[in-house]
Amino acid sequence: MSISDREPASARASITDAVLEIWAERGARNRIKIAGNSMLPLIVDGDGVLVEHGATEIRRGDIIVFRYGNDLAAHRVLSIHRGDDGPTYVTKGDNAPRSDPPLSAGEIVGRVLAIERGGRHLPLDTPAWQALGWLIAAGTLAWARLYSWSRVLKQRVWGPQPNRVTAFLRQSALALFPLLLNGAQAVLGRWEEGVRSASKE
């Protein structure tokens, strides 16, 4: 969800505060309309998401809604760090270039349970989707480490100047990751539809 950037920052903050208060009064689950493309290809602009409020039982790979400045954001949990002051969460949009600043449990609005698009309801709290979410989070972290190591190696071998080979490899990997993600989600979606159809027969 994103409140229009045309509104002044103070107005957006007030609107977000009011929405969160209403949700707290309405109950444990609410539907939110998503604006933006940071979670492509899984969530597209205009999708609705069903959110379970609170920060309980959040796992790596879950998609959570949290306060992001004056707005709300829905991104994937990459890692959870336990500390004396409670857990902190590192999140990132699947289609975003970098991770978000770490979050505390108090900044989290809730966990996304399902996506709604064109009359279809896609539950994300099934074991298969939870496993895919975990793999996406682990793969994102692994790719970030690999890219960091490759930059260090490139600077040691070729120096700080730009290199066409490494730039090409980086662009290829950035283009390939969404395609793999989209393919995995499509296969899993069809598999779950087949399981549901078979169970109804």
N, C-alpha and C. Protein backbone atom coordinates (compact mmCIF):
# COMPACT_ATOMS: atom_id res chain seq x y z
N MET A 1 0.85 -1.18 0.00
CA MET A 1 0.00 0.00 0.00
C MET A 1 0.88 1.23 0.00
N SER A 2 0.47 2.24 -0.72
CA SER A 2 1.21 3.49 -0.73
C SER A 2 0.23 4.65 -0.81
N ILE A 3 0.34 5.58 0.10
CA ILE A 3 -0.50 6.78 0.05
C ILE A 3 0.11 7.73 -0.96
N SER A 4 -0.71 8.43 -1.72
CA SER A 4 -0.23 9.25 -2.82
C SER A 4 0.88 10.21 -2.40
N ASP A 5 1.94 10.24 -3.22
CA ASP A 5 3.06 11.14 -2.94
C ASP A 5 2.68 12.60 -3.15
N ARG A 6 1.53 12.85 -3.78
CA ARG A 6 1.11 14.24 -4.00
C ARG A 6 0.63 14.89 -2.71
N GLU A 7 0.28 14.07 -1.74
CA GLU A 7 -0.12 14.61 -0.43
C GLU A 7 1.11 15.06 0.34
N PRO A 8 1.00 16.15 1.13
CA PRO A 8 2.12 16.56 1.98
C PRO A 8 2.51 15.45 2.94
N ALA A 9 3.79 15.44 3.34
CA ALA A 9 4.29 14.37 4.22
C ALA A 9 3.49 14.29 5.51
N SER A 10 3.15 15.44 6.09
CA SER A 10 2.41 15.42 7.36
C SER A 10 1.01 14.82 7.17
N ALA A 11 0.39 15.09 6.01
CA ALA A 11 -0.94 14.54 5.74
C ALA A 11 -0.85 13.03 5.55
N ARG A 12 0.18 12.56 4.84
CA ARG A 12 0.35 11.12 4.63
C ARG A 12 0.57 10.41 5.95
N ALA A 13 1.37 11.02 6.83
CA ALA A 13 1.62 10.41 8.14
C ALA A 13 0.33 10.33 8.95
N SER A 14 -0.50 11.39 8.90
CA SER A 14 -1.77 11.39 9.64
C SER A 14 -2.72 10.34 9.09
N ILE A 15 -2.76 10.20 7.76
CA ILE A 15 -3.64 9.21 7.14
C ILE A 15 -3.21 7.80 7.54
N THR A 16 -1.90 7.55 7.50
CA THR A 16 -1.39 6.23 7.86
C THR A 16 -1.70 5.92 9.32
N ASP A 17 -1.52 6.90 10.21
CA ASP A 17 -1.85 6.69 11.62
C ASP A 17 -3.32 6.34 11.80
N ALA A 18 -4.18 7.07 11.09
CA ALA A 18 -5.62 6.83 11.20
C ALA A 18 -5.99 5.44 10.69
N VAL A 19 -5.41 5.04 9.57
CA VAL A 19 -5.69 3.71 9.01
C VAL A 19 -5.27 2.62 9.98
N LEU A 20 -4.08 2.76 10.59
CA LEU A 20 -3.61 1.75 11.53
C LEU A 20 -4.50 1.67 12.76
N GLU A 21 -5.01 2.80 13.21
CA GLU A 21 -5.92 2.78 14.36
C GLU A 21 -7.23 2.06 14.02
N ILE A 22 -7.76 2.32 12.81
CA ILE A 22 -9.00 1.67 12.38
C ILE A 22 -8.78 0.16 12.29
N TRP A 23 -7.66 -0.24 11.71
CA TRP A 23 -7.37 -1.68 11.58
C TRP A 23 -7.27 -2.33 12.95
N ALA A 24 -6.64 -1.65 13.89
CA ALA A 24 -6.50 -2.21 15.24
C ALA A 24 -7.86 -2.43 15.88
N GLU A 25 -8.81 -1.54 15.58
CA GLU A 25 -10.16 -1.66 16.16
C GLU A 25 -10.98 -2.73 15.46
N ARG A 26 -10.73 -2.95 14.14
CA ARG A 26 -11.56 -3.87 13.35
C ARG A 26 -11.26 -5.34 13.63
N GLY A 27 -10.04 -5.66 14.05
CA GLY A 27 -9.77 -7.07 14.32
C GLY A 27 -8.41 -7.51 13.84
N ALA A 28 -8.25 -8.84 13.80
CA ALA A 28 -6.94 -9.43 13.59
C ALA A 28 -6.51 -9.44 12.13
N ARG A 29 -7.47 -9.36 11.18
CA ARG A 29 -7.12 -9.45 9.76
C ARG A 29 -7.81 -8.33 8.97
N ASN A 30 -7.09 -7.78 8.00
CA ASN A 30 -7.65 -6.76 7.13
C ASN A 30 -7.08 -6.90 5.74
N ARG A 31 -7.79 -6.35 4.76
CA ARG A 31 -7.34 -6.36 3.37
C ARG A 31 -6.73 -5.00 3.02
N ILE A 32 -5.61 -5.06 2.31
CA ILE A 32 -4.91 -3.84 1.89
C ILE A 32 -4.71 -3.90 0.39
N LYS A 33 -4.92 -2.79 -0.30
CA LYS A 33 -4.63 -2.72 -1.73
C LYS A 33 -3.19 -2.26 -1.91
N ILE A 34 -2.45 -2.95 -2.76
CA ILE A 34 -1.02 -2.69 -2.96
C ILE A 34 -0.83 -1.73 -4.13
N ALA A 35 0.06 -0.77 -3.94
CA ALA A 35 0.48 0.13 -5.01
C ALA A 35 1.99 0.03 -5.15
N GLY A 36 2.47 -0.11 -6.37
CA GLY A 36 3.91 -0.19 -6.60
C GLY A 36 4.32 -1.55 -7.15
N ASN A 37 5.59 -1.63 -7.55
CA ASN A 37 6.10 -2.83 -8.21
C ASN A 37 7.28 -3.46 -7.49
N SER A 38 7.48 -3.15 -6.21
CA SER A 38 8.66 -3.65 -5.51
C SER A 38 8.59 -5.15 -5.21
N MET A 39 7.40 -5.76 -5.33
CA MET A 39 7.27 -7.20 -5.06
C MET A 39 6.95 -8.00 -6.33
N LEU A 40 7.19 -7.41 -7.50
CA LEU A 40 7.03 -8.18 -8.73
C LEU A 40 7.98 -9.37 -8.71
N PRO A 41 7.64 -10.49 -9.32
CA PRO A 41 6.40 -10.75 -10.07
C PRO A 41 5.27 -11.31 -9.21
N LEU A 42 5.49 -11.55 -7.93
CA LEU A 42 4.46 -12.19 -7.10
C LEU A 42 3.28 -11.26 -6.85
N ILE A 43 3.54 -10.01 -6.48
CA ILE A 43 2.48 -9.04 -6.20
C ILE A 43 2.62 -7.90 -7.19
N VAL A 44 1.54 -7.60 -7.90
CA VAL A 44 1.56 -6.53 -8.89
C VAL A 44 0.72 -5.36 -8.40
N ASP A 45 0.96 -4.22 -9.00
CA ASP A 45 0.24 -2.99 -8.65
C ASP A 45 -1.26 -3.22 -8.77
N GLY A 46 -2.01 -2.92 -7.71
CA GLY A 46 -3.45 -3.10 -7.72
C GLY A 46 -3.94 -4.35 -7.04
N ASP A 47 -3.03 -5.30 -6.73
CA ASP A 47 -3.42 -6.51 -6.00
C ASP A 47 -3.91 -6.15 -4.60
N GLY A 48 -4.74 -7.00 -4.05
CA GLY A 48 -5.11 -6.90 -2.65
C GLY A 48 -4.37 -7.96 -1.86
N VAL A 49 -4.06 -7.67 -0.62
CA VAL A 49 -3.43 -8.66 0.25
C VAL A 49 -4.21 -8.75 1.56
N LEU A 50 -4.30 -9.98 2.08
CA LEU A 50 -4.93 -10.20 3.38
C LEU A 50 -3.83 -10.23 4.43
N VAL A 51 -3.93 -9.34 5.40
CA VAL A 51 -2.86 -9.16 6.39
C VAL A 51 -3.36 -9.59 7.77
N GLU A 52 -2.54 -10.43 8.41
CA GLU A 52 -2.78 -10.81 9.81
C GLU A 52 -1.94 -9.90 10.68
N HIS A 53 -2.58 -9.17 11.56
CA HIS A 53 -1.88 -8.16 12.35
C HIS A 53 -1.03 -8.76 13.46
N GLY A 54 0.03 -8.02 13.80
CA GLY A 54 0.94 -8.45 14.85
C GLY A 54 2.21 -9.06 14.28
N ALA A 55 3.22 -9.17 15.12
CA ALA A 55 4.53 -9.66 14.67
C ALA A 55 4.84 -11.04 15.22
N THR A 56 3.79 -11.83 15.53
CA THR A 56 4.02 -13.16 16.07
C THR A 56 4.24 -14.16 14.94
N GLU A 57 5.10 -15.13 15.18
CA GLU A 57 5.35 -16.24 14.26
C GLU A 57 5.78 -15.79 12.87
N ILE A 58 6.56 -14.73 12.79
CA ILE A 58 7.11 -14.32 11.50
C ILE A 58 8.38 -15.12 11.24
N ARG A 59 8.46 -15.67 10.02
CA ARG A 59 9.59 -16.50 9.64
C ARG A 59 10.32 -15.89 8.45
N ARG A 60 11.55 -16.34 8.25
CA ARG A 60 12.29 -15.94 7.05
C ARG A 60 11.49 -16.38 5.81
N GLY A 61 11.38 -15.46 4.86
CA GLY A 61 10.62 -15.75 3.64
C GLY A 61 9.21 -15.21 3.66
N ASP A 62 8.66 -14.90 4.86
CA ASP A 62 7.33 -14.31 4.94
C ASP A 62 7.33 -12.92 4.32
N ILE A 63 6.17 -12.51 3.82
CA ILE A 63 5.97 -11.13 3.36
C ILE A 63 5.24 -10.40 4.48
N ILE A 64 5.80 -9.28 4.91
CA ILE A 64 5.20 -8.53 6.01
C ILE A 64 4.89 -7.11 5.56
N VAL A 65 3.94 -6.50 6.24
CA VAL A 65 3.59 -5.09 6.03
C VAL A 65 4.15 -4.31 7.20
N PHE A 66 4.84 -3.19 6.90
CA PHE A 66 5.45 -2.40 7.97
C PHE A 66 5.40 -0.92 7.62
N ARG A 67 5.58 -0.12 8.66
CA ARG A 67 5.61 1.33 8.49
C ARG A 67 6.91 1.72 7.81
N TYR A 68 6.82 2.46 6.70
CA TYR A 68 7.99 2.89 5.93
C TYR A 68 7.87 4.39 5.72
N GLY A 69 8.47 5.15 6.64
CA GLY A 69 8.31 6.60 6.58
C GLY A 69 6.87 6.96 6.89
N ASN A 70 6.23 7.69 5.96
CA ASN A 70 4.84 8.09 6.13
C ASN A 70 3.87 7.09 5.52
N ASP A 71 4.37 6.06 4.89
CA ASP A 71 3.53 5.09 4.19
C ASP A 71 3.69 3.70 4.80
N LEU A 72 3.08 2.72 4.13
CA LEU A 72 3.24 1.32 4.49
C LEU A 72 3.90 0.60 3.31
N ALA A 73 4.67 -0.44 3.61
CA ALA A 73 5.32 -1.24 2.58
C ALA A 73 5.07 -2.70 2.87
N ALA A 74 5.05 -3.53 1.81
CA ALA A 74 4.92 -4.99 1.95
C ALA A 74 6.13 -5.61 1.27
N HIS A 75 7.07 -6.12 2.07
CA HIS A 75 8.30 -6.73 1.55
C HIS A 75 8.57 -8.06 2.23
N ARG A 76 9.53 -8.81 1.67
CA ARG A 76 9.85 -10.14 2.17
C ARG A 76 10.91 -10.07 3.28
N VAL A 77 10.77 -10.93 4.29
CA VAL A 77 11.76 -11.03 5.37
C VAL A 77 12.93 -11.88 4.87
N LEU A 78 14.13 -11.28 4.84
CA LEU A 78 15.32 -12.01 4.42
C LEU A 78 16.00 -12.71 5.59
N SER A 79 16.03 -12.04 6.74
CA SER A 79 16.68 -12.63 7.91
C SER A 79 16.11 -12.02 9.18
N ILE A 80 16.24 -12.76 10.27
CA ILE A 80 15.78 -12.32 11.59
C ILE A 80 16.95 -12.45 12.54
N HIS A 81 17.27 -11.37 13.26
CA HIS A 81 18.39 -11.37 14.21
C HIS A 81 17.83 -11.21 15.62
N ARG A 82 18.14 -12.17 16.48
CA ARG A 82 17.66 -12.12 17.87
C ARG A 82 18.67 -11.37 18.72
N GLY A 83 18.19 -10.41 19.49
CA GLY A 83 19.06 -9.64 20.36
C GLY A 83 18.44 -9.43 21.73
N ASP A 84 19.16 -8.74 22.60
CA ASP A 84 18.66 -8.48 23.95
C ASP A 84 17.41 -7.60 23.94
N ASP A 85 17.30 -6.71 22.94
CA ASP A 85 16.15 -5.82 22.84
C ASP A 85 15.03 -6.41 21.99
N GLY A 86 15.12 -7.70 21.67
CA GLY A 86 14.11 -8.33 20.83
C GLY A 86 14.62 -8.54 19.41
N PRO A 87 13.81 -9.17 18.57
CA PRO A 87 14.27 -9.46 17.21
C PRO A 87 14.26 -8.23 16.31
N THR A 88 15.18 -8.22 15.36
CA THR A 88 15.17 -7.23 14.29
C THR A 88 15.06 -7.99 12.98
N TYR A 89 14.38 -7.39 12.01
CA TYR A 89 14.06 -8.04 10.75
C TYR A 89 14.69 -7.27 9.59
N VAL A 90 15.35 -8.00 8.70
CA VAL A 90 15.89 -7.41 7.47
C VAL A 90 14.95 -7.80 6.35
N THR A 91 14.44 -6.81 5.62
CA THR A 91 13.45 -7.06 4.58
C THR A 91 13.92 -6.47 3.24
N LYS A 92 13.28 -6.94 2.17
CA LYS A 92 13.59 -6.43 0.83
C LYS A 92 12.44 -6.79 -0.09
N GLY A 93 12.10 -5.89 -0.99
CA GLY A 93 11.15 -6.23 -2.04
C GLY A 93 11.82 -7.17 -3.03
N ASP A 94 11.09 -8.16 -3.54
CA ASP A 94 11.68 -9.10 -4.50
C ASP A 94 12.21 -8.38 -5.73
N ASN A 95 11.61 -7.25 -6.09
CA ASN A 95 12.01 -6.49 -7.27
C ASN A 95 12.75 -5.20 -6.91
N ALA A 96 13.11 -5.05 -5.64
CA ALA A 96 13.80 -3.83 -5.19
C ALA A 96 15.32 -4.02 -5.30
N PRO A 97 16.07 -2.94 -5.55
CA PRO A 97 17.52 -3.08 -5.74
C PRO A 97 18.30 -3.34 -4.46
N ARG A 98 17.75 -2.97 -3.31
CA ARG A 98 18.51 -3.15 -2.06
C ARG A 98 17.58 -3.42 -0.89
N SER A 99 18.16 -3.86 0.21
CA SER A 99 17.38 -4.17 1.41
C SER A 99 16.91 -2.90 2.10
N ASP A 100 15.87 -3.05 2.92
CA ASP A 100 15.35 -1.94 3.72
C ASP A 100 16.18 -1.83 5.00
N PRO A 101 16.10 -0.69 5.69
CA PRO A 101 16.72 -0.60 7.03
C PRO A 101 16.10 -1.64 7.96
N PRO A 102 16.88 -2.17 8.92
CA PRO A 102 16.33 -3.18 9.85
C PRO A 102 15.11 -2.68 10.60
N LEU A 103 14.19 -3.59 10.87
CA LEU A 103 12.94 -3.26 11.56
C LEU A 103 12.88 -3.92 12.92
N SER A 104 12.24 -3.25 13.86
CA SER A 104 11.92 -3.88 15.13
C SER A 104 10.52 -4.45 15.05
N ALA A 105 10.16 -5.31 15.99
CA ALA A 105 8.83 -5.92 15.99
C ALA A 105 7.73 -4.86 16.08
N GLY A 106 8.01 -3.75 16.78
CA GLY A 106 7.01 -2.71 16.94
C GLY A 106 6.68 -1.96 15.66
N GLU A 107 7.54 -2.04 14.65
CA GLU A 107 7.29 -1.35 13.38
C GLU A 107 6.49 -2.18 12.40
N ILE A 108 6.27 -3.45 12.73
CA ILE A 108 5.59 -4.35 11.82
C ILE A 108 4.08 -4.29 12.04
N VAL A 109 3.34 -4.10 10.95
CA VAL A 109 1.89 -4.07 11.01
C VAL A 109 1.34 -5.49 11.02
N GLY A 110 1.89 -6.37 10.20
CA GLY A 110 1.41 -7.74 10.16
C GLY A 110 2.03 -8.54 9.04
N ARG A 111 1.56 -9.77 8.90
CA ARG A 111 2.08 -10.73 7.92
C ARG A 111 1.05 -10.96 6.83
N VAL A 112 1.50 -11.01 5.58
CA VAL A 112 0.60 -11.24 4.45
C VAL A 112 0.25 -12.73 4.39
N LEU A 113 -1.05 -13.03 4.45
CA LEU A 113 -1.52 -14.41 4.40
C LEU A 113 -1.93 -14.85 3.00
N ALA A 114 -2.38 -13.89 2.19
CA ALA A 114 -2.88 -14.26 0.86
C ALA A 114 -2.85 -13.04 -0.06
N ILE A 115 -2.84 -13.34 -1.36
CA ILE A 115 -2.90 -12.30 -2.39
C ILE A 115 -4.21 -12.48 -3.15
N GLU A 116 -4.87 -11.38 -3.46
CA GLU A 116 -6.13 -11.42 -4.19
C GLU A 116 -5.99 -10.61 -5.47
N ARG A 117 -6.33 -11.28 -6.60
CA ARG A 117 -6.19 -10.61 -7.90
C ARG A 117 -7.25 -11.15 -8.85
N GLY A 118 -8.05 -10.26 -9.40
CA GLY A 118 -9.04 -10.66 -10.39
C GLY A 118 -9.99 -11.74 -9.93
N GLY A 119 -10.41 -11.68 -8.67
CA GLY A 119 -11.34 -12.68 -8.14
C GLY A 119 -10.68 -13.96 -7.68
N ARG A 120 -9.36 -14.07 -7.84
CA ARG A 120 -8.64 -15.26 -7.39
C ARG A 120 -7.96 -15.00 -6.06
N HIS A 121 -7.88 -16.04 -5.25
CA HIS A 121 -7.31 -15.94 -3.90
C HIS A 121 -6.13 -16.90 -3.82
N LEU A 122 -4.92 -16.37 -3.61
CA LEU A 122 -3.71 -17.19 -3.55
C LEU A 122 -3.18 -17.20 -2.12
N PRO A 123 -3.38 -18.29 -1.37
CA PRO A 123 -2.90 -18.34 0.01
C PRO A 123 -1.38 -18.52 0.05
N LEU A 124 -0.72 -17.75 0.91
CA LEU A 124 0.73 -17.84 1.05
C LEU A 124 1.15 -18.57 2.32
N ASP A 125 0.17 -19.02 3.12
CA ASP A 125 0.50 -19.68 4.38
C ASP A 125 0.47 -21.20 4.27
N THR A 126 0.59 -21.72 3.03
CA THR A 126 0.68 -23.17 2.84
C THR A 126 2.15 -23.59 2.96
N PRO A 127 2.42 -24.84 3.29
CA PRO A 127 3.81 -25.28 3.40
C PRO A 127 4.62 -25.06 2.12
N ALA A 128 4.00 -25.27 0.95
CA ALA A 128 4.72 -25.11 -0.31
C ALA A 128 5.14 -23.65 -0.53
N TRP A 129 4.22 -22.71 -0.30
CA TRP A 129 4.55 -21.30 -0.50
C TRP A 129 5.52 -20.81 0.57
N GLN A 130 5.42 -21.34 1.78
CA GLN A 130 6.38 -20.96 2.83
C GLN A 130 7.78 -21.45 2.47
N ALA A 131 7.86 -22.66 1.89
CA ALA A 131 9.16 -23.18 1.46
C ALA A 131 9.73 -22.35 0.33
N LEU A 132 8.88 -21.95 -0.63
CA LEU A 132 9.35 -21.11 -1.73
C LEU A 132 9.81 -19.75 -1.20
N GLY A 133 9.06 -19.18 -0.25
CA GLY A 133 9.46 -17.90 0.34
C GLY A 133 10.82 -17.99 1.01
N TRP A 134 11.05 -19.10 1.74
CA TRP A 134 12.34 -19.29 2.40
C TRP A 134 13.46 -19.39 1.36
N LEU A 135 13.21 -20.12 0.27
CA LEU A 135 14.22 -20.26 -0.79
C LEU A 135 14.51 -18.93 -1.47
N ILE A 136 13.48 -18.12 -1.68
CA ILE A 136 13.69 -16.80 -2.28
C ILE A 136 14.55 -15.94 -1.37
N ALA A 137 14.24 -15.95 -0.06
CA ALA A 137 15.02 -15.15 0.90
C ALA A 137 16.47 -15.63 0.95
N ALA A 138 16.67 -16.95 1.05
CA ALA A 138 18.02 -17.49 1.10
C ALA A 138 18.78 -17.20 -0.20
N GLY A 139 18.09 -17.33 -1.34
CA GLY A 139 18.73 -17.05 -2.63
C GLY A 139 19.10 -15.59 -2.78
N THR A 140 18.24 -14.70 -2.28
CA THR A 140 18.53 -13.26 -2.35
C THR A 140 19.77 -12.92 -1.53
N LEU A 141 19.87 -13.49 -0.32
CA LEU A 141 21.04 -13.25 0.52
C LEU A 141 22.31 -13.82 -0.11
N ALA A 142 22.19 -15.04 -0.69
CA ALA A 142 23.35 -15.66 -1.33
C ALA A 142 23.81 -14.83 -2.53
N TRP A 143 22.86 -14.33 -3.32
CA TRP A 143 23.21 -13.51 -4.47
C TRP A 143 23.90 -12.21 -4.03
N ALA A 144 23.40 -11.60 -2.95
CA ALA A 144 24.01 -10.36 -2.46
C ALA A 144 25.46 -10.60 -2.01
N ARG A 145 25.70 -11.72 -1.33
CA ARG A 145 27.07 -12.04 -0.90
C ARG A 145 27.96 -12.32 -2.10
N LEU A 146 27.45 -13.09 -3.07
CA LEU A 146 28.22 -13.41 -4.26
C LEU A 146 28.58 -12.14 -5.04
N TYR A 147 27.61 -11.24 -5.16
CA TYR A 147 27.87 -9.99 -5.88
C TYR A 147 28.91 -9.15 -5.15
N SER A 148 28.83 -9.12 -3.81
CA SER A 148 29.82 -8.36 -3.03
C SER A 148 31.22 -8.95 -3.20
N TRP A 149 31.33 -10.28 -3.15
CA TRP A 149 32.63 -10.92 -3.34
C TRP A 149 33.16 -10.67 -4.74
N SER A 150 32.27 -10.71 -5.75
CA SER A 150 32.73 -10.49 -7.13
C SER A 150 33.24 -9.07 -7.33
N ARG A 151 32.62 -8.11 -6.63
CA ARG A 151 33.11 -6.72 -6.74
C ARG A 151 34.49 -6.58 -6.12
N VAL A 152 34.70 -7.24 -4.97
CA VAL A 152 36.02 -7.19 -4.33
C VAL A 152 37.06 -7.84 -5.23
N LEU A 153 36.73 -9.01 -5.79
CA LEU A 153 37.66 -9.71 -6.68
C LEU A 153 37.96 -8.88 -7.93
N LYS A 154 36.93 -8.25 -8.49
CA LYS A 154 37.11 -7.42 -9.68
C LYS A 154 38.07 -6.27 -9.39
N GLN A 155 37.90 -5.62 -8.24
CA GLN A 155 38.77 -4.49 -7.91
C GLN A 155 40.21 -4.95 -7.71
N ARG A 156 40.39 -6.16 -7.16
CA ARG A 156 41.75 -6.66 -6.96
C ARG A 156 42.41 -7.03 -8.29
N VAL A 157 41.62 -7.56 -9.23
CA VAL A 157 42.18 -8.01 -10.50
C VAL A 157 42.28 -6.89 -11.52
N TRP A 158 41.18 -6.13 -11.71
CA TRP A 158 41.16 -5.11 -12.75
C TRP A 158 41.24 -3.68 -12.22
N GLY A 159 41.16 -3.50 -10.93
CA GLY A 159 41.18 -2.15 -10.37
C GLY A 159 39.78 -1.58 -10.29
N PRO A 160 39.67 -0.31 -9.87
CA PRO A 160 38.35 0.29 -9.65
C PRO A 160 37.61 0.70 -10.92
N GLN A 161 38.27 0.61 -12.11
CA GLN A 161 37.62 1.04 -13.34
C GLN A 161 36.48 0.08 -13.71
N PRO A 162 35.45 0.62 -14.37
CA PRO A 162 34.35 -0.25 -14.82
C PRO A 162 34.86 -1.29 -15.81
N ASN A 163 34.29 -2.47 -15.79
CA ASN A 163 34.67 -3.55 -16.67
C ASN A 163 33.44 -4.05 -17.39
N ARG A 164 33.50 -4.17 -18.72
CA ARG A 164 32.32 -4.56 -19.50
C ARG A 164 31.87 -5.98 -19.19
N VAL A 165 32.81 -6.86 -18.93
CA VAL A 165 32.46 -8.25 -18.66
C VAL A 165 31.66 -8.35 -17.36
N THR A 166 32.16 -7.73 -16.29
CA THR A 166 31.45 -7.80 -15.01
C THR A 166 30.11 -7.07 -15.08
N ALA A 167 30.07 -5.96 -15.83
CA ALA A 167 28.80 -5.24 -15.98
C ALA A 167 27.78 -6.11 -16.72
N PHE A 168 28.23 -6.81 -17.74
CA PHE A 168 27.33 -7.71 -18.49
C PHE A 168 26.82 -8.84 -17.60
N LEU A 169 27.73 -9.45 -16.83
CA LEU A 169 27.34 -10.53 -15.95
C LEU A 169 26.33 -10.06 -14.90
N ARG A 170 26.57 -8.86 -14.37
CA ARG A 170 25.66 -8.32 -13.35
C ARG A 170 24.27 -8.08 -13.95
N GLN A 171 24.21 -7.46 -15.14
CA GLN A 171 22.93 -7.18 -15.78
C GLN A 171 22.21 -8.48 -16.14
N SER A 172 22.98 -9.49 -16.58
CA SER A 172 22.37 -10.79 -16.91
C SER A 172 21.77 -11.44 -15.68
N ALA A 173 22.51 -11.40 -14.57
CA ALA A 173 22.00 -12.01 -13.34
C ALA A 173 20.77 -11.27 -12.83
N LEU A 174 20.77 -9.94 -12.93
CA LEU A 174 19.62 -9.16 -12.48
C LEU A 174 18.39 -9.46 -13.32
N ALA A 175 18.60 -9.74 -14.62
CA ALA A 175 17.47 -10.08 -15.48
C ALA A 175 17.02 -11.52 -15.26
N LEU A 176 17.95 -12.42 -14.94
CA LEU A 176 17.63 -13.84 -14.79
C LEU A 176 16.86 -14.13 -13.50
N PHE A 177 17.20 -13.43 -12.41
CA PHE A 177 16.59 -13.73 -11.12
C PHE A 177 15.07 -13.57 -11.14
N PRO A 178 14.50 -12.46 -11.70
CA PRO A 178 13.04 -12.37 -11.75
C PRO A 178 12.41 -13.45 -12.63
N LEU A 179 13.09 -13.85 -13.71
CA LEU A 179 12.54 -14.90 -14.57
C LEU A 179 12.46 -16.23 -13.82
N LEU A 180 13.53 -16.57 -13.08
CA LEU A 180 13.52 -17.80 -12.28
C LEU A 180 12.43 -17.75 -11.21
N LEU A 181 12.31 -16.59 -10.56
CA LEU A 181 11.30 -16.42 -9.51
C LEU A 181 9.90 -16.56 -10.08
N ASN A 182 9.67 -15.92 -11.23
CA ASN A 182 8.35 -16.00 -11.86
C ASN A 182 8.03 -17.43 -12.27
N GLY A 183 9.04 -18.13 -12.83
CA GLY A 183 8.82 -19.52 -13.24
C GLY A 183 8.50 -20.41 -12.05
N ALA A 184 9.25 -20.26 -10.95
CA ALA A 184 9.01 -21.08 -9.75
C ALA A 184 7.63 -20.83 -9.19
N GLN A 185 7.20 -19.56 -9.17
CA GLN A 185 5.89 -19.24 -8.65
C GLN A 185 4.78 -19.79 -9.54
N ALA A 186 4.99 -19.74 -10.86
CA ALA A 186 3.99 -20.27 -11.79
C ALA A 186 3.84 -21.77 -11.63
N VAL A 187 4.96 -22.48 -11.53
CA VAL A 187 4.93 -23.94 -11.36
C VAL A 187 4.24 -24.30 -10.04
N LEU A 188 4.59 -23.61 -8.97
CA LEU A 188 4.00 -23.90 -7.67
C LEU A 188 2.50 -23.60 -7.68
N GLY A 189 2.11 -22.49 -8.32
CA GLY A 189 0.70 -22.14 -8.40
C GLY A 189 -0.11 -23.20 -9.14
N ARG A 190 0.43 -23.69 -10.26
CA ARG A 190 -0.27 -24.73 -11.03
C ARG A 190 -0.34 -26.03 -10.24
N TRP A 191 0.75 -26.35 -9.54
CA TRP A 191 0.77 -27.57 -8.74
C TRP A 191 -0.29 -27.51 -7.64
N GLU A 192 -0.40 -26.38 -6.96
CA GLU A 192 -1.38 -26.26 -5.89
C GLU A 192 -2.81 -26.29 -6.46
N GLU A 193 -3.02 -25.69 -7.64
CA GLU A 193 -4.35 -25.75 -8.27
C GLU A 193 -4.72 -27.20 -8.59
N GLY A 194 -3.72 -27.97 -9.08
CA GLY A 194 -3.97 -29.38 -9.38
C GLY A 194 -4.31 -30.17 -8.13
N VAL A 195 -3.61 -29.87 -7.02
CA VAL A 195 -3.89 -30.55 -5.76
C VAL A 195 -5.30 -30.22 -5.28
N ARG A 196 -5.68 -28.93 -5.36
CA ARG A 196 -7.01 -28.54 -4.91
C ARG A 196 -8.11 -29.17 -5.78
N SER A 197 -7.86 -29.22 -7.11
CA SER A 197 -8.85 -29.83 -8.02
C SER A 197 -9.01 -31.32 -7.72
N ALA A 198 -7.87 -31.98 -7.48
CA ALA A 198 -7.91 -33.42 -7.20
C ALA A 198 -8.65 -33.70 -5.88
N SER A 199 -8.49 -32.82 -4.90
CA SER A 199 -9.14 -33.04 -3.60
C SER A 199 -10.65 -32.84 -3.68
N LYS A 200 -11.12 -32.03 -4.67
CA LYS A 200 -12.54 -31.78 -4.80
C LYS A 200 -13.25 -32.93 -5.50
N GLU A 201 -12.49 -33.71 -6.30
CA GLU A 201 -13.10 -34.81 -7.06
C GLU A 201 -13.43 -35.99 -6.16
